[in-house]
C-alpha atoms as a PDB file:
ATOM      1  CA  UNK A   1      -4.983  -4.333 -88.895  1.00  0.00           C
ATOM      2  CA  UNK A   2      -1.302  -3.851 -88.121  1.00  0.00           C
ATOM      3  CA  UNK A   3       0.089  -4.713 -84.720  1.00  0.00           C
ATOM      4  CA  UNK A   4       0.480  -1.012 -83.944  1.00  0.00           C
ATOM      5  CA  UNK A   5      -3.164  -0.393 -84.844  1.00  0.00           C
ATOM      6  CA  UNK A   6      -4.241  -3.337 -82.670  1.00  0.00           C
ATOM      7  CA  UNK A   7      -2.149  -2.109 -79.735  1.00  0.00           C
ATOM      8  CA  UNK A   8      -3.595   1.397 -80.076  1.00  0.00           C
ATOM      9  CA  UNK A   9      -7.188   0.111 -80.418  1.00  0.00           C
ATOM     10  CA  UNK A  10      -6.989  -2.012 -77.258  1.00  0.00           C
ATOM     11  CA  UNK A  11      -8.336  -0.382 -74.144  1.00  0.00           C
ATOM     12  CA  UNK A  12      -9.411  -1.493 -70.684  1.00  0.00           C
ATOM     13  CA  UNK A  13     -13.041  -2.324 -71.390  1.00  0.00           C
ATOM     14  CA  UNK A  14     -15.020  -2.168 -68.154  1.00  0.00           C
ATOM     15  CA  UNK A  15     -18.499  -2.656 -69.617  1.00  0.00           C
ATOM     16  CA  UNK A  16     -19.080  -6.076 -71.124  1.00  0.00           C
ATOM     17  CA  UNK A  17     -22.089  -8.124 -72.069  1.00  0.00           C
ATOM     18  CA  UNK A  18     -22.679 -11.698 -70.985  1.00  0.00           C
ATOM     19  CA  UNK A  19     -23.526 -12.756 -74.553  1.00  0.00           C
ATOM     20  CA  UNK A  20     -22.109 -16.149 -75.507  1.00  0.00           C
ATOM     21  CA  UNK A  21     -18.717 -16.041 -77.198  1.00  0.00           C
ATOM     22  CA  UNK A  22     -18.162 -18.330 -80.128  1.00  0.00           C
ATOM     23  CA  UNK A  23     -15.972 -21.340 -79.247  1.00  0.00           C
ATOM     24  CA  UNK A  24     -13.712 -20.681 -82.236  1.00  0.00           C
ATOM     25  CA  UNK A  25     -12.942 -17.191 -80.909  1.00  0.00           C
ATOM     26  CA  UNK A  26     -12.090 -18.609 -77.495  1.00  0.00           C
ATOM     27  CA  UNK A  27      -9.814 -21.185 -79.108  1.00  0.00           C
ATOM     28  CA  UNK A  28      -8.017 -18.532 -81.212  1.00  0.00           C
ATOM     29  CA  UNK A  29      -7.500 -16.384 -78.096  1.00  0.00           C
ATOM     30  CA  UNK A  30      -6.017 -19.315 -76.202  1.00  0.00           C
ATOM     31  CA  UNK A  31      -3.832 -20.359 -79.140  1.00  0.00           C
ATOM     32  CA  UNK A  32      -2.472 -16.803 -79.370  1.00  0.00           C
ATOM     33  CA  UNK A  33      -1.779 -16.835 -75.627  1.00  0.00           C
ATOM     34  CA  UNK A  34       0.193 -20.077 -75.741  1.00  0.00           C
ATOM     35  CA  UNK A  35       2.181 -18.781 -78.733  1.00  0.00           C
ATOM     36  CA  UNK A  36       3.863 -16.371 -76.298  1.00  0.00           C
ATOM     37  CA  UNK A  37       7.589 -16.786 -75.764  1.00  0.00           C
ATOM     38  CA  UNK A  38       8.823 -17.993 -72.395  1.00  0.00           C
ATOM     39  CA  UNK A  39      12.347 -18.121 -71.031  1.00  0.00           C
ATOM     40  CA  UNK A  40      14.057 -21.305 -72.200  1.00  0.00           C
ATOM     41  CA  UNK A  41      10.598 -22.254 -73.562  1.00  0.00           C
ATOM     42  CA  UNK A  42       9.773 -23.586 -70.086  1.00  0.00           C
ATOM     43  CA  UNK A  43       6.061 -22.682 -70.462  1.00  0.00           C
ATOM     44  CA  UNK A  44       5.620 -22.745 -66.707  1.00  0.00           C
ATOM     45  CA  UNK A  45       2.144 -21.237 -66.611  1.00  0.00           C
ATOM     46  CA  UNK A  46      -1.506 -22.256 -66.691  1.00  0.00           C
ATOM     47  CA  UNK A  47      -4.591 -20.500 -68.024  1.00  0.00           C
ATOM     48  CA  UNK A  48      -7.902 -21.315 -66.376  1.00  0.00           C
ATOM     49  CA  UNK A  49     -11.060 -20.593 -68.381  1.00  0.00           C
ATOM     50  CA  UNK A  50     -13.880 -19.644 -66.024  1.00  0.00           C
ATOM     51  CA  UNK A  51     -16.989 -20.501 -68.040  1.00  0.00           C
ATOM     52  CA  UNK A  52     -19.639 -22.283 -65.999  1.00  0.00           C
ATOM     53  CA  UNK A  53     -22.096 -20.239 -63.918  1.00  0.00           C
ATOM     54  CA  UNK A  54     -20.902 -22.041 -60.760  1.00  0.00           C
ATOM     55  CA  UNK A  55     -17.249 -21.257 -61.486  1.00  0.00           C
ATOM     56  CA  UNK A  56     -18.143 -17.662 -62.310  1.00  0.00           C
ATOM     57  CA  UNK A  57     -19.998 -17.308 -58.991  1.00  0.00           C
ATOM     58  CA  UNK A  58     -16.825 -18.490 -57.256  1.00  0.00           C
ATOM     59  CA  UNK A  59     -14.735 -15.978 -59.195  1.00  0.00           C
ATOM     60  CA  UNK A  60     -17.055 -13.181 -58.042  1.00  0.00           C
ATOM     61  CA  UNK A  61     -16.243 -14.129 -54.446  1.00  0.00           C
ATOM     62  CA  UNK A  62     -12.597 -13.232 -55.114  1.00  0.00           C
ATOM     63  CA  UNK A  63     -13.048 -10.069 -57.201  1.00  0.00           C
ATOM     64  CA  UNK A  64     -15.887  -7.645 -57.836  1.00  0.00           C
ATOM     65  CA  UNK A  65     -14.378  -6.772 -61.225  1.00  0.00           C
ATOM     66  CA  UNK A  66     -16.063  -9.004 -63.781  1.00  0.00           C
ATOM     67  CA  UNK A  67     -17.738  -6.065 -65.558  1.00  0.00           C
ATOM     68  CA  UNK A  68     -20.831  -7.987 -66.661  1.00  0.00           C
ATOM     69  CA  UNK A  69     -18.987 -10.755 -68.491  1.00  0.00           C
ATOM     70  CA  UNK A  70     -19.807 -14.463 -68.344  1.00  0.00           C
ATOM     71  CA  UNK A  71     -16.304 -15.651 -69.306  1.00  0.00           C
ATOM     72  CA  UNK A  72     -12.982 -14.991 -67.635  1.00  0.00           C
ATOM     73  CA  UNK A  73      -9.445 -16.255 -67.862  1.00  0.00           C
ATOM     74  CA  UNK A  74      -7.061 -16.503 -64.934  1.00  0.00           C
ATOM     75  CA  UNK A  75      -3.339 -16.702 -65.683  1.00  0.00           C
ATOM     76  CA  UNK A  76      -0.970 -18.244 -63.170  1.00  0.00           C
ATOM     77  CA  UNK A  77       2.773 -18.788 -62.981  1.00  0.00           C
ATOM     78  CA  UNK A  78       4.394 -21.895 -61.544  1.00  0.00           C
ATOM     79  CA  UNK A  79       7.904 -21.213 -60.292  1.00  0.00           C
ATOM     80  CA  UNK A  80       8.920 -24.869 -60.277  1.00  0.00           C
ATOM     81  CA  UNK A  81      10.227 -25.671 -63.725  1.00  0.00           C
ATOM     82  CA  UNK A  82      10.595 -22.046 -64.829  1.00  0.00           C
ATOM     83  CA  UNK A  83      13.948 -20.644 -65.909  1.00  0.00           C
ATOM     84  CA  UNK A  84      16.179 -19.313 -63.127  1.00  0.00           C
ATOM     85  CA  UNK A  85      18.777 -16.812 -64.338  1.00  0.00           C
ATOM     86  CA  UNK A  86      22.081 -18.211 -63.046  1.00  0.00           C
ATOM     87  CA  UNK A  87      23.694 -14.872 -62.143  1.00  0.00           C
ATOM     88  CA  UNK A  88      21.132 -13.891 -59.510  1.00  0.00           C
ATOM     89  CA  UNK A  89      18.643 -16.807 -59.467  1.00  0.00           C
ATOM     90  CA  UNK A  90      15.871 -14.560 -60.832  1.00  0.00           C
ATOM     91  CA  UNK A  91      12.913 -16.840 -61.527  1.00  0.00           C
ATOM     92  CA  UNK A  92      11.108 -15.976 -64.770  1.00  0.00           C
ATOM     93  CA  UNK A  93       7.750 -17.676 -64.099  1.00  0.00           C
ATOM     94  CA  UNK A  94       5.818 -14.464 -63.435  1.00  0.00           C
ATOM     95  CA  UNK A  95       7.503 -12.669 -66.339  1.00  0.00           C
ATOM     96  CA  UNK A  96       6.600 -15.529 -68.664  1.00  0.00           C
ATOM     97  CA  UNK A  97       3.008 -15.578 -67.401  1.00  0.00           C
ATOM     98  CA  UNK A  98       2.762 -11.807 -67.926  1.00  0.00           C
ATOM     99  CA  UNK A  99       3.871 -12.242 -71.542  1.00  0.00           C
ATOM    100  CA  UNK A 100       1.235 -14.968 -72.014  1.00  0.00           C
ATOM    101  CA  UNK A 101      -1.351 -12.682 -70.399  1.00  0.00           C
ATOM    102  CA  UNK A 102      -0.432  -9.839 -72.740  1.00  0.00           C
ATOM    103  CA  UNK A 103      -0.825 -12.099 -75.772  1.00  0.00           C
ATOM    104  CA  UNK A 104      -4.213 -13.181 -74.427  1.00  0.00           C
ATOM    105  CA  UNK A 105      -5.325  -9.580 -73.846  1.00  0.00           C
ATOM    106  CA  UNK A 106      -4.352  -8.485 -77.360  1.00  0.00           C
ATOM    107  CA  UNK A 107      -5.960 -11.570 -78.909  1.00  0.00           C
ATOM    108  CA  UNK A 108      -9.223 -10.674 -77.164  1.00  0.00           C
ATOM    109  CA  UNK A 109      -9.091  -7.259 -78.860  1.00  0.00           C
ATOM    110  CA  UNK A 110      -8.256  -8.864 -82.200  1.00  0.00           C
ATOM    111  CA  UNK A 111     -11.419 -10.991 -81.939  1.00  0.00           C
ATOM    112  CA  UNK A 112     -13.614  -7.889 -81.494  1.00  0.00           C
ATOM    113  CA  UNK A 113     -14.112  -8.577 -77.795  1.00  0.00           C
ATOM    114  CA  UNK A 114     -13.252  -6.550 -74.733  1.00  0.00           C
ATOM    115  CA  UNK A 115     -11.332  -7.162 -71.526  1.00  0.00           C
ATOM    116  CA  UNK A 116      -9.196  -5.487 -68.934  1.00  0.00           C
ATOM    117  CA  UNK A 117      -6.259  -6.773 -66.938  1.00  0.00           C
ATOM    118  CA  UNK A 118      -7.651  -7.221 -63.438  1.00  0.00           C
ATOM    119  CA  UNK A 119      -5.043  -7.266 -60.715  1.00  0.00           C
ATOM    120  CA  UNK A 120      -7.500  -6.572 -57.898  1.00  0.00           C
ATOM    121  CA  UNK A 121      -8.415 -10.055 -56.719  1.00  0.00           C
ATOM    122  CA  UNK A 122      -7.990 -12.135 -53.595  1.00  0.00           C
ATOM    123  CA  UNK A 123      -5.476 -14.749 -54.747  1.00  0.00           C
ATOM    124  CA  UNK A 124      -5.669 -16.883 -51.578  1.00  0.00           C
ATOM    125  CA  UNK A 125      -9.479 -16.925 -51.906  1.00  0.00           C
ATOM    126  CA  UNK A 126      -9.237 -17.977 -55.582  1.00  0.00           C
ATOM    127  CA  UNK A 127      -6.880 -20.777 -54.588  1.00  0.00           C
ATOM    128  CA  UNK A 128      -9.251 -21.866 -51.850  1.00  0.00           C
ATOM    129  CA  UNK A 129     -12.236 -21.865 -54.231  1.00  0.00           C
ATOM    130  CA  UNK A 130     -10.269 -23.421 -57.103  1.00  0.00           C
ATOM    131  CA  UNK A 131      -7.801 -25.962 -55.637  1.00  0.00           C
ATOM    132  CA  UNK A 132      -6.378 -26.400 -59.155  1.00  0.00           C
ATOM    133  CA  UNK A 133      -4.774 -22.969 -58.737  1.00  0.00           C
ATOM    134  CA  UNK A 134      -2.830 -23.873 -55.615  1.00  0.00           C
ATOM    135  CA  UNK A 135       0.924 -23.775 -56.093  1.00  0.00           C
ATOM    136  CA  UNK A 136       0.668 -20.966 -58.652  1.00  0.00           C
ATOM    137  CA  UNK A 137       1.407 -17.281 -58.407  1.00  0.00           C
ATOM    138  CA  UNK A 138      -1.805 -15.837 -59.829  1.00  0.00           C
ATOM    139  CA  UNK A 139      -0.907 -12.995 -62.191  1.00  0.00           C
ATOM    140  CA  UNK A 140      -4.140 -11.693 -63.696  1.00  0.00           C
ATOM    141  CA  UNK A 141      -7.849 -12.153 -64.222  1.00  0.00           C
ATOM    142  CA  UNK A 142      -9.336 -11.240 -67.593  1.00  0.00           C
ATOM    143  CA  UNK A 143     -13.127 -10.892 -67.784  1.00  0.00           C
ATOM    144  CA  UNK A 144     -14.002 -11.269 -71.475  1.00  0.00           C
ATOM    145  CA  UNK A 145     -17.086 -10.330 -73.426  1.00  0.00           C
ATOM    146  CA  UNK A 146     -18.509  -8.243 -76.189  1.00  0.00           C
ATOM    147  CA  UNK A 147     -18.175  -4.573 -75.269  1.00  0.00           C
ATOM    148  CA  UNK A 148     -21.458  -3.029 -74.141  1.00  0.00           C
ATOM    149  CA  UNK A 149     -22.963  -0.458 -76.506  1.00  0.00           C
ATOM    150  CA  UNK A 150     -21.852   2.384 -74.228  1.00  0.00           C
ATOM    151  CA  UNK A 151     -18.375   0.992 -73.452  1.00  0.00           C
ATOM    152  CA  UNK A 152     -15.561   3.428 -74.064  1.00  0.00           C
ATOM    153  CA  UNK A 153     -11.957   3.965 -73.059  1.00  0.00           C
ATOM    154  CA  UNK A 154     -11.154   5.795 -69.837  1.00  0.00           C
ATOM    155  CA  UNK A 155     -10.578   9.536 -70.288  1.00  0.00           C
ATOM    156  CA  UNK A 156      -6.850   9.028 -69.599  1.00  0.00           C
ATOM    157  CA  UNK A 157      -6.498   6.110 -72.023  1.00  0.00           C
ATOM    158  CA  UNK A 158      -4.612   8.168 -74.609  1.00  0.00           C
ATOM    159  CA  UNK A 159      -2.255   9.741 -72.043  1.00  0.00           C
ATOM    160  CA  UNK A 160       1.269   8.497 -72.650  1.00  0.00           C
ATOM    161  CA  UNK A 161       4.642   9.797 -71.607  1.00  0.00           C
ATOM    162  CA  UNK A 162       6.759  11.177 -74.427  1.00  0.00           C
ATOM    163  CA  UNK A 163       9.282   8.833 -76.013  1.00  0.00           C
ATOM    164  CA  UNK A 164      12.051  11.146 -74.797  1.00  0.00           C
ATOM    165  CA  UNK A 165      10.923  10.510 -71.213  1.00  0.00           C
ATOM    166  CA  UNK A 166      10.907   6.724 -71.393  1.00  0.00           C
ATOM    167  CA  UNK A 167      13.615   5.822 -73.903  1.00  0.00           C
ATOM    168  CA  UNK A 168      17.283   6.214 -73.067  1.00  0.00           C
ATOM    169  CA  UNK A 169      19.634   5.730 -75.963  1.00  0.00           C
ATOM    170  CA  UNK A 170      23.064   4.535 -74.885  1.00  0.00           C
END
């Protein structure tokens, strides 16, 4: 499958099963995520794999959006050590983490699994429940699983603005 085909096939899957995911698939997803480029190659991010039932119960206290999965990834950005653009001191930690998260999301699709980028979560609660996450700007939660038999893209999934509306040629 070409990258374009992969990007078009990916959708926000909101119906997942809790079937076990093969460890080799999880490893390939994580390897694809860490292959993401970061500014100055600072790699100032962390990915937490939420796998145990106890950890998953904690995750559910911070977001209702796990969609039936039994595996989730949380991506966080750590500003200390990330590239700061010298002209305006723009810190790139969250941008870098978003690129990593995008790689992770597309790798999930490539493995025949489903996910959606969850931004609706209580970050302070996650940091309270998982002290390892303190000091990070939490960017996204990705529940991951095999799509349920009746999973399908949202009715607006194919809606996109025209190229002429979003691209300005200078």
